[in-house]
PDB file of N, CA and C in Angstrom:
ATOM      1  N   UNK A   1       8.414   7.774  -7.783  1.00  0.00           N
ATOM      2  CA  UNK A   1       7.363   6.805  -7.508  1.00  0.00           C
ATOM      3  C   UNK A   1       6.116   7.277  -8.250  1.00  0.00           C
ATOM      4  N   UNK A   2       5.652   6.499  -9.224  1.00  0.00           N
ATOM      5  CA  UNK A   2       4.524   6.893 -10.050  1.00  0.00           C
ATOM      6  C   UNK A   2       3.178   6.537  -9.448  1.00  0.00           C
ATOM      7  N   UNK A   3       2.159   7.219  -9.927  1.00  0.00           N
ATOM      8  CA  UNK A   3       0.798   7.017  -9.440  1.00  0.00           C
ATOM      9  C   UNK A   3       0.328   5.573  -9.649  1.00  0.00           C
ATOM     10  N   UNK A   4       0.589   5.018 -10.810  1.00  0.00           N
ATOM     11  CA  UNK A   4       0.156   3.638 -11.084  1.00  0.00           C
ATOM     12  C   UNK A   4       0.780   2.663 -10.091  1.00  0.00           C
ATOM     13  N   UNK A   5       2.042   2.872  -9.760  1.00  0.00           N
ATOM     14  CA  UNK A   5       2.736   2.024  -8.796  1.00  0.00           C
ATOM     15  C   UNK A   5       2.083   2.129  -7.407  1.00  0.00           C
ATOM     16  N   UNK A   6       1.765   3.345  -6.981  1.00  0.00           N
ATOM     17  CA  UNK A   6       1.132   3.561  -5.673  1.00  0.00           C
ATOM     18  C   UNK A   6      -0.236   2.896  -5.627  1.00  0.00           C
ATOM     19  N   UNK A   7      -1.016   3.041  -6.692  1.00  0.00           N
ATOM     20  CA  UNK A   7      -2.340   2.405  -6.752  1.00  0.00           C
ATOM     21  C   UNK A   7      -2.200   0.894  -6.595  1.00  0.00           C
ATOM     22  N   UNK A   8      -1.233   0.296  -7.293  1.00  0.00           N
ATOM     23  CA  UNK A   8      -1.024  -1.155  -7.190  1.00  0.00           C
ATOM     24  C   UNK A   8      -0.588  -1.577  -5.791  1.00  0.00           C
ATOM     25  N   UNK A   9       0.247  -0.770  -5.135  1.00  0.00           N
ATOM     26  CA  UNK A   9       0.675  -1.078  -3.763  1.00  0.00           C
ATOM     27  C   UNK A   9      -0.530  -1.138  -2.826  1.00  0.00           C
ATOM     28  N   UNK A  10      -1.409  -0.144  -2.930  1.00  0.00           N
ATOM     29  CA  UNK A  10      -2.579  -0.085  -2.047  1.00  0.00           C
ATOM     30  C   UNK A  10      -3.552  -1.223  -2.357  1.00  0.00           C
ATOM     31  N   UNK A  11      -3.823  -1.467  -3.636  1.00  0.00           N
ATOM     32  CA  UNK A  11      -4.732  -2.558  -4.000  1.00  0.00           C
ATOM     33  C   UNK A  11      -4.192  -3.907  -3.536  1.00  0.00           C
ATOM     34  N   UNK A  12      -2.889  -4.132  -3.724  1.00  0.00           N
ATOM     35  CA  UNK A  12      -2.263  -5.386  -3.282  1.00  0.00           C
ATOM     36  C   UNK A  12      -2.330  -5.538  -1.767  1.00  0.00           C
ATOM     37  N   UNK A  13      -2.085  -4.444  -1.033  1.00  0.00           N
ATOM     38  CA  UNK A  13      -2.151  -4.476   0.433  1.00  0.00           C
ATOM     39  C   UNK A  13      -3.543  -4.903   0.897  1.00  0.00           C
ATOM     40  N   UNK A  14      -4.587  -4.283   0.352  1.00  0.00           N
ATOM     41  CA  UNK A  14      -5.941  -4.620   0.775  1.00  0.00           C
ATOM     42  C   UNK A  14      -6.326  -6.042   0.366  1.00  0.00           C
ATOM     43  N   UNK A  15      -5.923  -6.470  -0.818  1.00  0.00           N
ATOM     44  CA  UNK A  15      -6.281  -7.808  -1.294  1.00  0.00           C
ATOM     45  C   UNK A  15      -5.547  -8.904  -0.541  1.00  0.00           C
ATOM     46  N   UNK A  16      -4.256  -8.718  -0.252  1.00  0.00           N
ATOM     47  CA  UNK A  16      -3.481  -9.794   0.363  1.00  0.00           C
ATOM     48  C   UNK A  16      -3.467  -9.731   1.888  1.00  0.00           C
ATOM     49  N   UNK A  17      -3.283  -8.561   2.449  1.00  0.00           N
ATOM     50  CA  UNK A  17      -3.172  -8.449   3.908  1.00  0.00           C
ATOM     51  C   UNK A  17      -4.538  -8.462   4.578  1.00  0.00           C
ATOM     52  N   UNK A  18      -5.496  -7.729   4.009  1.00  0.00           N
ATOM     53  CA  UNK A  18      -6.814  -7.619   4.636  1.00  0.00           C
ATOM     54  C   UNK A  18      -7.878  -8.494   3.975  1.00  0.00           C
ATOM     55  N   UNK A  19      -7.518  -9.152   2.880  1.00  0.00           N
ATOM     56  CA  UNK A  19      -8.448  -9.989   2.123  1.00  0.00           C
ATOM     57  C   UNK A  19      -9.696  -9.203   1.710  1.00  0.00           C
ATOM     58  N   UNK A  20      -9.474  -7.955   1.284  1.00  0.00           N
ATOM     59  CA  UNK A  20     -10.557  -7.077   0.842  1.00  0.00           C
ATOM     60  C   UNK A  20     -10.149  -6.420  -0.471  1.00  0.00           C
ATOM     61  N   UNK A  21     -10.380  -7.098  -1.604  1.00  0.00           N
ATOM     62  CA  UNK A  21     -10.049  -6.451  -2.875  1.00  0.00           C
ATOM     63  C   UNK A  21     -10.888  -5.191  -3.050  1.00  0.00           C
ATOM     64  N   UNK A  22     -10.327  -4.195  -3.694  1.00  0.00           N
ATOM     65  CA  UNK A  22     -11.064  -2.952  -3.861  1.00  0.00           C
ATOM     66  C   UNK A  22     -10.621  -2.173  -5.081  1.00  0.00           C
ATOM     67  N   UNK A  23     -11.263  -1.026  -5.253  1.00  0.00           N
ATOM     68  CA  UNK A  23     -10.962  -0.125  -6.349  1.00  0.00           C
ATOM     69  C   UNK A  23     -10.512   1.212  -5.789  1.00  0.00           C
ATOM     70  N   UNK A  24      -9.415   1.718  -6.284  1.00  0.00           N
ATOM     71  CA  UNK A  24      -8.935   3.026  -5.860  1.00  0.00           C
ATOM     72  C   UNK A  24      -9.832   4.088  -6.482  1.00  0.00           C
ATOM     73  N   UNK A  25     -10.292   5.025  -5.646  1.00  0.00           N
ATOM     74  CA  UNK A  25     -11.190   6.086  -6.115  1.00  0.00           C
ATOM     75  C   UNK A  25     -10.560   7.471  -6.010  1.00  0.00           C
ATOM     76  N   UNK A  26      -9.355   7.564  -5.469  1.00  0.00           N
ATOM     77  CA  UNK A  26      -8.667   8.849  -5.389  1.00  0.00           C
ATOM     78  C   UNK A  26      -7.257   8.679  -4.874  1.00  0.00           C
ATOM     79  N   UNK A  27      -6.378   9.611  -5.295  1.00  0.00           N
ATOM     80  CA  UNK A  27      -4.991   9.580  -4.824  1.00  0.00           C
ATOM     81  C   UNK A  27      -4.368  10.954  -5.018  1.00  0.00           C
ATOM     82  N   UNK A  28      -3.543  11.352  -4.043  1.00  0.00           N
ATOM     83  CA  UNK A  28      -2.816  12.622  -4.159  1.00  0.00           C
ATOM     84  C   UNK A  28      -1.582  12.574  -3.258  1.00  0.00           C
ATOM     85  N   UNK A  29      -0.650  13.497  -3.514  1.00  0.00           N
ATOM     86  CA  UNK A  29       0.531  13.631  -2.663  1.00  0.00           C
ATOM     87  C   UNK A  29       0.260  14.768  -1.693  1.00  0.00           C
ATOM     88  N   UNK A  30       0.493  14.491  -0.402  1.00  0.00           N
ATOM     89  CA  UNK A  30       0.320  15.499   0.634  1.00  0.00           C
ATOM     90  C   UNK A  30       1.537  15.431   1.548  1.00  0.00           C
ATOM     91  N   UNK A  31       2.280  16.520   1.646  1.00  0.00           N
ATOM     92  CA  UNK A  31       3.470  16.594   2.500  1.00  0.00           C
ATOM     93  C   UNK A  31       4.461  15.459   2.221  1.00  0.00           C
ATOM     94  N   UNK A  32       4.646  15.130   0.949  1.00  0.00           N
ATOM     95  CA  UNK A  32       5.616  14.115   0.567  1.00  0.00           C
ATOM     96  C   UNK A  32       5.144  12.681   0.722  1.00  0.00           C
ATOM     97  N   UNK A  33       3.898  12.491   1.131  1.00  0.00           N
ATOM     98  CA  UNK A  33       3.343  11.138   1.277  1.00  0.00           C
ATOM     99  C   UNK A  33       2.109  11.011   0.400  1.00  0.00           C
ATOM    100  N   UNK A  34       1.893   9.804  -0.087  1.00  0.00           N
ATOM    101  CA  UNK A  34       0.706   9.548  -0.898  1.00  0.00           C
ATOM    102  C   UNK A  34      -0.480   9.261   0.012  1.00  0.00           C
ATOM    103  N   UNK A  35      -1.605   9.899  -0.290  1.00  0.00           N
ATOM    104  CA  UNK A  35      -2.873   9.636   0.391  1.00  0.00           C
ATOM    105  C   UNK A  35      -3.799   9.049  -0.677  1.00  0.00           C
ATOM    106  N   UNK A  36      -4.262   7.840  -0.434  1.00  0.00           N
ATOM    107  CA  UNK A  36      -5.061   7.110  -1.416  1.00  0.00           C
ATOM    108  C   UNK A  36      -6.382   6.713  -0.778  1.00  0.00           C
ATOM    109  N   UNK A  37      -7.471   6.843  -1.545  1.00  0.00           N
ATOM    110  CA  UNK A  37      -8.776   6.358  -1.092  1.00  0.00           C
ATOM    111  C   UNK A  37      -9.135   5.130  -1.905  1.00  0.00           C
ATOM    112  N   UNK A  38      -9.577   4.089  -1.191  1.00  0.00           N
ATOM    113  CA  UNK A  38      -9.959   2.839  -1.837  1.00  0.00           C
ATOM    114  C   UNK A  38     -11.334   2.427  -1.330  1.00  0.00           C
ATOM    115  N   UNK A  39     -12.143   1.890  -2.236  1.00  0.00           N
ATOM    116  CA  UNK A  39     -13.497   1.435  -1.903  1.00  0.00           C
ATOM    117  C   UNK A  39     -13.496  -0.091  -1.890  1.00  0.00           C
ATOM    118  N   UNK A  40     -13.931  -0.683  -0.773  1.00  0.00           N
ATOM    119  CA  UNK A  40     -13.935  -2.141  -0.644  1.00  0.00           C
ATOM    120  C   UNK A  40     -15.295  -2.613  -0.146  1.00  0.00           C
ATOM    121  N   UNK A  41     -15.628  -3.853  -0.470  1.00  0.00           N
ATOM    122  CA  UNK A  41     -16.870  -4.460   0.002  1.00  0.00           C
ATOM    123  C   UNK A  41     -16.683  -4.926   1.433  1.00  0.00           C
ATOM    124  N   UNK A  42     -17.651  -4.606   2.281  1.00  0.00           N
ATOM    125  CA  UNK A  42     -17.630  -4.986   3.691  1.00  0.00           C
ATOM    126  C   UNK A  42     -18.756  -5.975   3.980  1.00  0.00           C
ATOM    127  N   UNK A  43     -18.509  -6.940   4.823  1.00  0.00           N
ATOM    128  CA  UNK A  43     -19.545  -7.850   5.318  1.00  0.00           C
ATOM    129  C   UNK A  43     -20.427  -8.395   4.203  1.00  0.00           C
ATOM    130  N   UNK A  44     -19.830  -8.841   3.133  1.00  0.00           N
ATOM    131  CA  UNK A  44     -20.556  -9.298   1.956  1.00  0.00           C
ATOM    132  C   UNK A  44     -21.540 -10.431   2.280  1.00  0.00           C
ATOM    133  N   UNK A  45     -21.079 -11.466   2.945  1.00  0.00           N
ATOM    134  CA  UNK A  45     -21.919 -12.632   3.235  1.00  0.00           C
ATOM    135  C   UNK A  45     -23.085 -12.272   4.155  1.00  0.00           C
ATOM    136  N   UNK A  46     -22.837 -11.494   5.181  1.00  0.00           N
ATOM    137  CA  UNK A  46     -23.888 -11.063   6.116  1.00  0.00           C
ATOM    138  C   UNK A  46     -25.003 -10.320   5.378  1.00  0.00           C
ATOM    139  N   UNK A  47     -24.622  -9.410   4.508  1.00  0.00           N
ATOM    140  CA  UNK A  47     -25.615  -8.607   3.805  1.00  0.00           C
ATOM    141  C   UNK A  47     -26.433  -9.473   2.839  1.00  0.00           C
ATOM    142  N   UNK A  48     -25.800 -10.429   2.186  1.00  0.00           N
ATOM    143  CA  UNK A  48     -26.533 -11.319   1.273  1.00  0.00           C
ATOM    144  C   UNK A  48     -27.552 -12.158   2.022  1.00  0.00           C
ATOM    145  N   UNK A  49     -27.176 -12.686   3.181  1.00  0.00           N
ATOM    146  CA  UNK A  49     -28.093 -13.518   3.969  1.00  0.00           C
ATOM    147  C   UNK A  49     -29.322 -12.740   4.402  1.00  0.00           C
ATOM    148  N   UNK A  50     -29.163 -11.451   4.609  1.00  0.00           N
ATOM    149  CA  UNK A  50     -30.281 -10.627   5.080  1.00  0.00           C
ATOM    150  C   UNK A  50     -30.958  -9.851   3.950  1.00  0.00           C
ATOM    151  N   UNK A  51     -30.622 -10.175   2.715  1.00  0.00           N
ATOM    152  CA  UNK A  51     -31.293  -9.582   1.559  1.00  0.00           C
ATOM    153  C   UNK A  51     -31.080  -8.091   1.415  1.00  0.00           C
ATOM    154  N   UNK A  52     -29.923  -7.599   1.840  1.00  0.00           N
ATOM    155  CA  UNK A  52     -29.633  -6.168   1.728  1.00  0.00           C
ATOM    156  C   UNK A  52     -28.499  -5.953   0.742  1.00  0.00           C
ATOM    157  N   UNK A  53     -28.392  -4.722   0.299  1.00  0.00           N
ATOM    158  CA  UNK A  53     -27.290  -4.368  -0.595  1.00  0.00           C
ATOM    159  C   UNK A  53     -25.961  -4.528   0.127  1.00  0.00           C
ATOM    160  N   UNK A  54     -24.918  -4.710  -0.658  1.00  0.00           N
ATOM    161  CA  UNK A  54     -23.578  -4.793  -0.080  1.00  0.00           C
ATOM    162  C   UNK A  54     -23.201  -3.476   0.585  1.00  0.00           C
ATOM    163  N   UNK A  55     -22.424  -3.590   1.636  1.00  0.00           N
ATOM    164  CA  UNK A  55     -21.867  -2.401   2.265  1.00  0.00           C
ATOM    165  C   UNK A  55     -20.503  -2.115   1.648  1.00  0.00           C
ATOM    166  N   UNK A  56     -20.260  -0.860   1.337  1.00  0.00           N
ATOM    167  CA  UNK A  56     -18.976  -0.448   0.797  1.00  0.00           C
ATOM    168  C   UNK A  56     -18.281   0.442   1.810  1.00  0.00           C
ATOM    169  N   UNK A  57     -17.028   0.172   2.059  1.00  0.00           N
ATOM    170  CA  UNK A  57     -16.222   1.001   2.946  1.00  0.00           C
ATOM    171  C   UNK A  57     -15.252   1.819   2.121  1.00  0.00           C
ATOM    172  N   UNK A  58     -15.136   3.095   2.462  1.00  0.00           N
ATOM    173  CA  UNK A  58     -14.141   3.962   1.842  1.00  0.00           C
ATOM    174  C   UNK A  58     -13.017   4.141   2.856  1.00  0.00           C
ATOM    175  N   UNK A  59     -11.827   3.742   2.473  1.00  0.00           N
ATOM    176  CA  UNK A  59     -10.660   3.815   3.358  1.00  0.00           C
ATOM    177  C   UNK A  59      -9.680   4.856   2.839  1.00  0.00           C
ATOM    178  N   UNK A  60      -9.061   5.576   3.777  1.00  0.00           N
ATOM    179  CA  UNK A  60      -7.968   6.468   3.444  1.00  0.00           C
ATOM    180  C   UNK A  60      -6.679   5.759   3.842  1.00  0.00           C
ATOM    181  N   UNK A  61      -5.747   5.694   2.909  1.00  0.00           N
ATOM    182  CA  UNK A  61      -4.501   4.947   3.098  1.00  0.00           C
ATOM    183  C   UNK A  61      -3.319   5.894   2.884  1.00  0.00           C
ATOM    184  N   UNK A  62      -2.335   5.794   3.759  1.00  0.00           N
ATOM    185  CA  UNK A  62      -1.128   6.609   3.614  1.00  0.00           C
ATOM    186  C   UNK A  62       0.046   5.714   3.239  1.00  0.00           C
ATOM    187  N   UNK A  63       0.778   6.111   2.187  1.00  0.00           N
ATOM    188  CA  UNK A  63       1.942   5.379   1.711  1.00  0.00           C
ATOM    189  C   UNK A  63       3.154   6.310   1.832  1.00  0.00           C
ATOM    190  N   UNK A  64       4.197   5.828   2.503  1.00  0.00           N
ATOM    191  CA  UNK A  64       5.378   6.687   2.709  1.00  0.00           C
ATOM    192  C   UNK A  64       6.308   6.651   1.506  1.00  0.00           C
ATOM    193  N   UNK A  65       7.412   7.378   1.611  1.00  0.00           N
ATOM    194  CA  UNK A  65       8.368   7.480   0.505  1.00  0.00           C
ATOM    195  C   UNK A  65       9.080   6.161   0.220  1.00  0.00           C
ATOM    196  N   UNK A  66       9.016   5.207   1.148  1.00  0.00           N
ATOM    197  CA  UNK A  66       9.606   3.879   0.933  1.00  0.00           C
ATOM    198  C   UNK A  66       8.611   2.909   0.296  1.00  0.00           C
ATOM    199  N   UNK A  67       7.456   3.442  -0.105  1.00  0.00           N
ATOM    200  CA  UNK A  67       6.383   2.651  -0.736  1.00  0.00           C
ATOM    201  C   UNK A  67       5.772   1.648   0.229  1.00  0.00           C
ATOM    202  N   UNK A  68       5.675   2.024   1.490  1.00  0.00           N
ATOM    203  CA  UNK A  68       5.059   1.173   2.512  1.00  0.00           C
ATOM    204  C   UNK A  68       3.738   1.793   2.962  1.00  0.00           C
ATOM    205  N   UNK A  69       2.725   0.950   3.132  1.00  0.00           N
ATOM    206  CA  UNK A  69       1.479   1.421   3.722  1.00  0.00           C
ATOM    207  C   UNK A  69       1.757   1.613   5.204  1.00  0.00           C
ATOM    208  N   UNK A  70       1.649   2.859   5.661  1.00  0.00           N
ATOM    209  CA  UNK A  70       1.980   3.149   7.054  1.00  0.00           C
ATOM    210  C   UNK A  70       0.738   3.334   7.919  1.00  0.00           C
ATOM    211  N   UNK A  71      -0.402   3.631   7.320  1.00  0.00           N
ATOM    212  CA  UNK A  71      -1.645   3.683   8.094  1.00  0.00           C
ATOM    213  C   UNK A  71      -2.831   3.667   7.145  1.00  0.00           C
ATOM    214  N   UNK A  72      -3.969   3.245   7.686  1.00  0.00           N
ATOM    215  CA  UNK A  72      -5.218   3.305   6.941  1.00  0.00           C
ATOM    216  C   UNK A  72      -6.360   3.413   7.944  1.00  0.00           C
ATOM    217  N   UNK A  73      -7.458   4.040   7.506  1.00  0.00           N
ATOM    218  CA  UNK A  73      -8.643   4.134   8.357  1.00  0.00           C
ATOM    219  C   UNK A  73      -9.880   4.233   7.476  1.00  0.00           C
ATOM    220  N   UNK A  74     -10.969   3.654   7.981  1.00  0.00           N
ATOM    221  CA  UNK A  74     -12.223   3.705   7.230  1.00  0.00           C
ATOM    222  C   UNK A  74     -12.852   5.069   7.459  1.00  0.00           C
ATOM    223  N   UNK A  75     -13.163   5.756   6.371  1.00  0.00           N
ATOM    224  CA  UNK A  75     -13.722   7.102   6.439  1.00  0.00           C
ATOM    225  C   UNK A  75     -15.232   7.127   6.263  1.00  0.00           C
ATOM    226  N   UNK A  76     -15.774   6.133   5.564  1.00  0.00           N
ATOM    227  CA  UNK A  76     -17.210   6.136   5.283  1.00  0.00           C
ATOM    228  C   UNK A  76     -17.691   4.717   5.039  1.00  0.00           C
ATOM    229  N   UNK A  77     -18.951   4.483   5.343  1.00  0.00           N
ATOM    230  CA  UNK A  77     -19.601   3.205   5.109  1.00  0.00           C
ATOM    231  C   UNK A  77     -20.941   3.508   4.455  1.00  0.00           C
ATOM    232  N   UNK A  78     -21.240   2.829   3.329  1.00  0.00           N
ATOM    233  CA  UNK A  78     -22.517   3.071   2.651  1.00  0.00           C
ATOM    234  C   UNK A  78     -22.984   1.817   1.941  1.00  0.00           C
ATOM    235  N   UNK A  79     -24.286   1.765   1.670  1.00  0.00           N
ATOM    236  CA  UNK A  79     -24.830   0.661   0.904  1.00  0.00           C
ATOM    237  C   UNK A  79     -24.574   0.916  -0.573  1.00  0.00           C
ATOM    238  N   UNK A  80     -24.277  -0.167  -1.306  1.00  0.00           N
ATOM    239  CA  UNK A  80     -24.068  -0.038  -2.752  1.00  0.00           C
ATOM    240  C   UNK A  80     -25.336   0.561  -3.369  1.00  0.00           C
ATOM    241  N   UNK A  81     -25.149   1.516  -4.253  1.00  0.00           N
ATOM    242  CA  UNK A  81     -26.279   2.153  -4.916  1.00  0.00           C
ATOM    243  C   UNK A  81     -26.736   3.438  -4.242  1.00  0.00           C
ATOM    244  N   UNK A  82     -26.304   3.670  -3.029  1.00  0.00           N
ATOM    245  CA  UNK A  82     -26.663   4.907  -2.330  1.00  0.00           C
ATOM    246  C   UNK A  82     -25.538   5.910  -2.520  1.00  0.00           C
ATOM    247  N   UNK A  83     -25.916   7.175  -2.599  1.00  0.00           N
ATOM    248  CA  UNK A  83     -24.925   8.214  -2.828  1.00  0.00           C
ATOM    249  C   UNK A  83     -24.251   8.670  -1.552  1.00  0.00           C
ATOM    250  N   UNK A  84     -24.983   8.629  -0.455  1.00  0.00           N
ATOM    251  CA  UNK A  84     -24.407   9.089   0.806  1.00  0.00           C
ATOM    252  C   UNK A  84     -24.240   7.927   1.761  1.00  0.00           C
ATOM    253  N   UNK A  85     -23.185   8.002   2.540  1.00  0.00           N
ATOM    254  CA  UNK A  85     -22.918   6.958   3.511  1.00  0.00           C
ATOM    255  C   UNK A  85     -22.870   7.523   4.911  1.00  0.00           C
ATOM    256  N   UNK A  86     -22.381   6.707   5.805  1.00  0.00           N
ATOM    257  CA  UNK A  86     -22.235   7.098   7.199  1.00  0.00           C
ATOM    258  C   UNK A  86     -20.774   7.440   7.442  1.00  0.00           C
ATOM    259  N   UNK A  87     -20.476   8.718   7.749  1.00  0.00           N
ATOM    260  CA  UNK A  87     -19.083   9.056   8.067  1.00  0.00           C
ATOM    261  C   UNK A  87     -18.611   8.262   9.276  1.00  0.00           C
ATOM    262  N   UNK A  88     -17.357   7.861   9.252  1.00  0.00           N
ATOM    263  CA  UNK A  88     -16.806   7.046  10.320  1.00  0.00           C
ATOM    264  C   UNK A  88     -15.956   7.905  11.230  1.00  0.00           C
ATOM    265  N   UNK A  89     -16.324   7.955  12.513  1.00  0.00           N
ATOM    266  CA  UNK A  89     -15.574   8.698  13.517  1.00  0.00           C
ATOM    267  C   UNK A  89     -14.815   7.690  14.360  1.00  0.00           C
ATOM    268  N   UNK A  90     -13.486   7.681  14.282  1.00  0.00           N
ATOM    269  CA  UNK A  90     -12.709   6.688  15.026  1.00  0.00           C
ATOM    270  C   UNK A  90     -12.949   6.720  16.532  1.00  0.00           C
ATOM    271  N   UNK A  91     -13.427   7.832  17.055  1.00  0.00           N
ATOM    272  CA  UNK A  91     -13.668   7.939  18.493  1.00  0.00           C
ATOM    273  C   UNK A  91     -15.021   7.371  18.899  1.00  0.00           C
ATOM    274  N   UNK A  92     -15.889   7.069  17.909  1.00  0.00           N
ATOM    275  CA  UNK A  92     -17.245   6.584  18.186  1.00  0.00           C
ATOM    276  C   UNK A  92     -17.241   5.050  18.245  1.00  0.00           C
ATOM    277  N   UNK A  93     -17.530   4.459  19.399  1.00  0.00           N
ATOM    278  CA  UNK A  93     -17.512   2.988  19.509  1.00  0.00           C
ATOM    279  C   UNK A  93     -18.623   2.323  18.718  1.00  0.00           C
ATOM    280  N   UNK A  94     -19.684   3.048  18.350  1.00  0.00           N
ATOM    281  CA  UNK A  94     -20.796   2.472  17.604  1.00  0.00           C
ATOM    282  C   UNK A  94     -20.719   2.772  16.122  1.00  0.00           C
ATOM    283  N   UNK A  95     -19.561   3.199  15.619  1.00  0.00           N
ATOM    284  CA  UNK A  95     -19.457   3.571  14.222  1.00  0.00           C
ATOM    285  C   UNK A  95     -19.785   2.394  13.326  1.00  0.00           C
ATOM    286  N   UNK A  96     -20.461   2.705  12.252  1.00  0.00           N
ATOM    287  CA  UNK A  96     -20.790   1.688  11.260  1.00  0.00           C
ATOM    288  C   UNK A  96     -22.042   0.917  11.557  1.00  0.00           C
ATOM    289  N   UNK A  97     -22.713   1.173  12.660  1.00  0.00           N
ATOM    290  CA  UNK A  97     -23.959   0.462  12.960  1.00  0.00           C
ATOM    291  C   UNK A  97     -25.097   1.176  12.268  1.00  0.00           C
ATOM    292  N   UNK A  98     -25.835   0.431  11.449  1.00  0.00           N
ATOM    293  CA  UNK A  98     -26.918   1.035  10.667  1.00  0.00           C
ATOM    294  C   UNK A  98     -28.266   0.758  11.293  1.00  0.00           C
TER     295      UNK A  98
END
């Protein structure tokens, strides 16, 4: 299973299943599974109405040996143009609130 194929699987999953097209920003094999990071635009319309920069979400995606996306989670949220974002803690109910 090649890297280009894995990148396309993740991009297709986000574009078709979640309706969030994005760009892959990292990928590696860990314990026989692919771990891929993808950057997607979040809440685009809301941010435009309020005159703010777009929010970008960084997601970590796991792809198994059968080429299936088996899990994903948002790791960071940041405004476009900013270097640092807000780390996302899955246990925090207020995550992502700016």
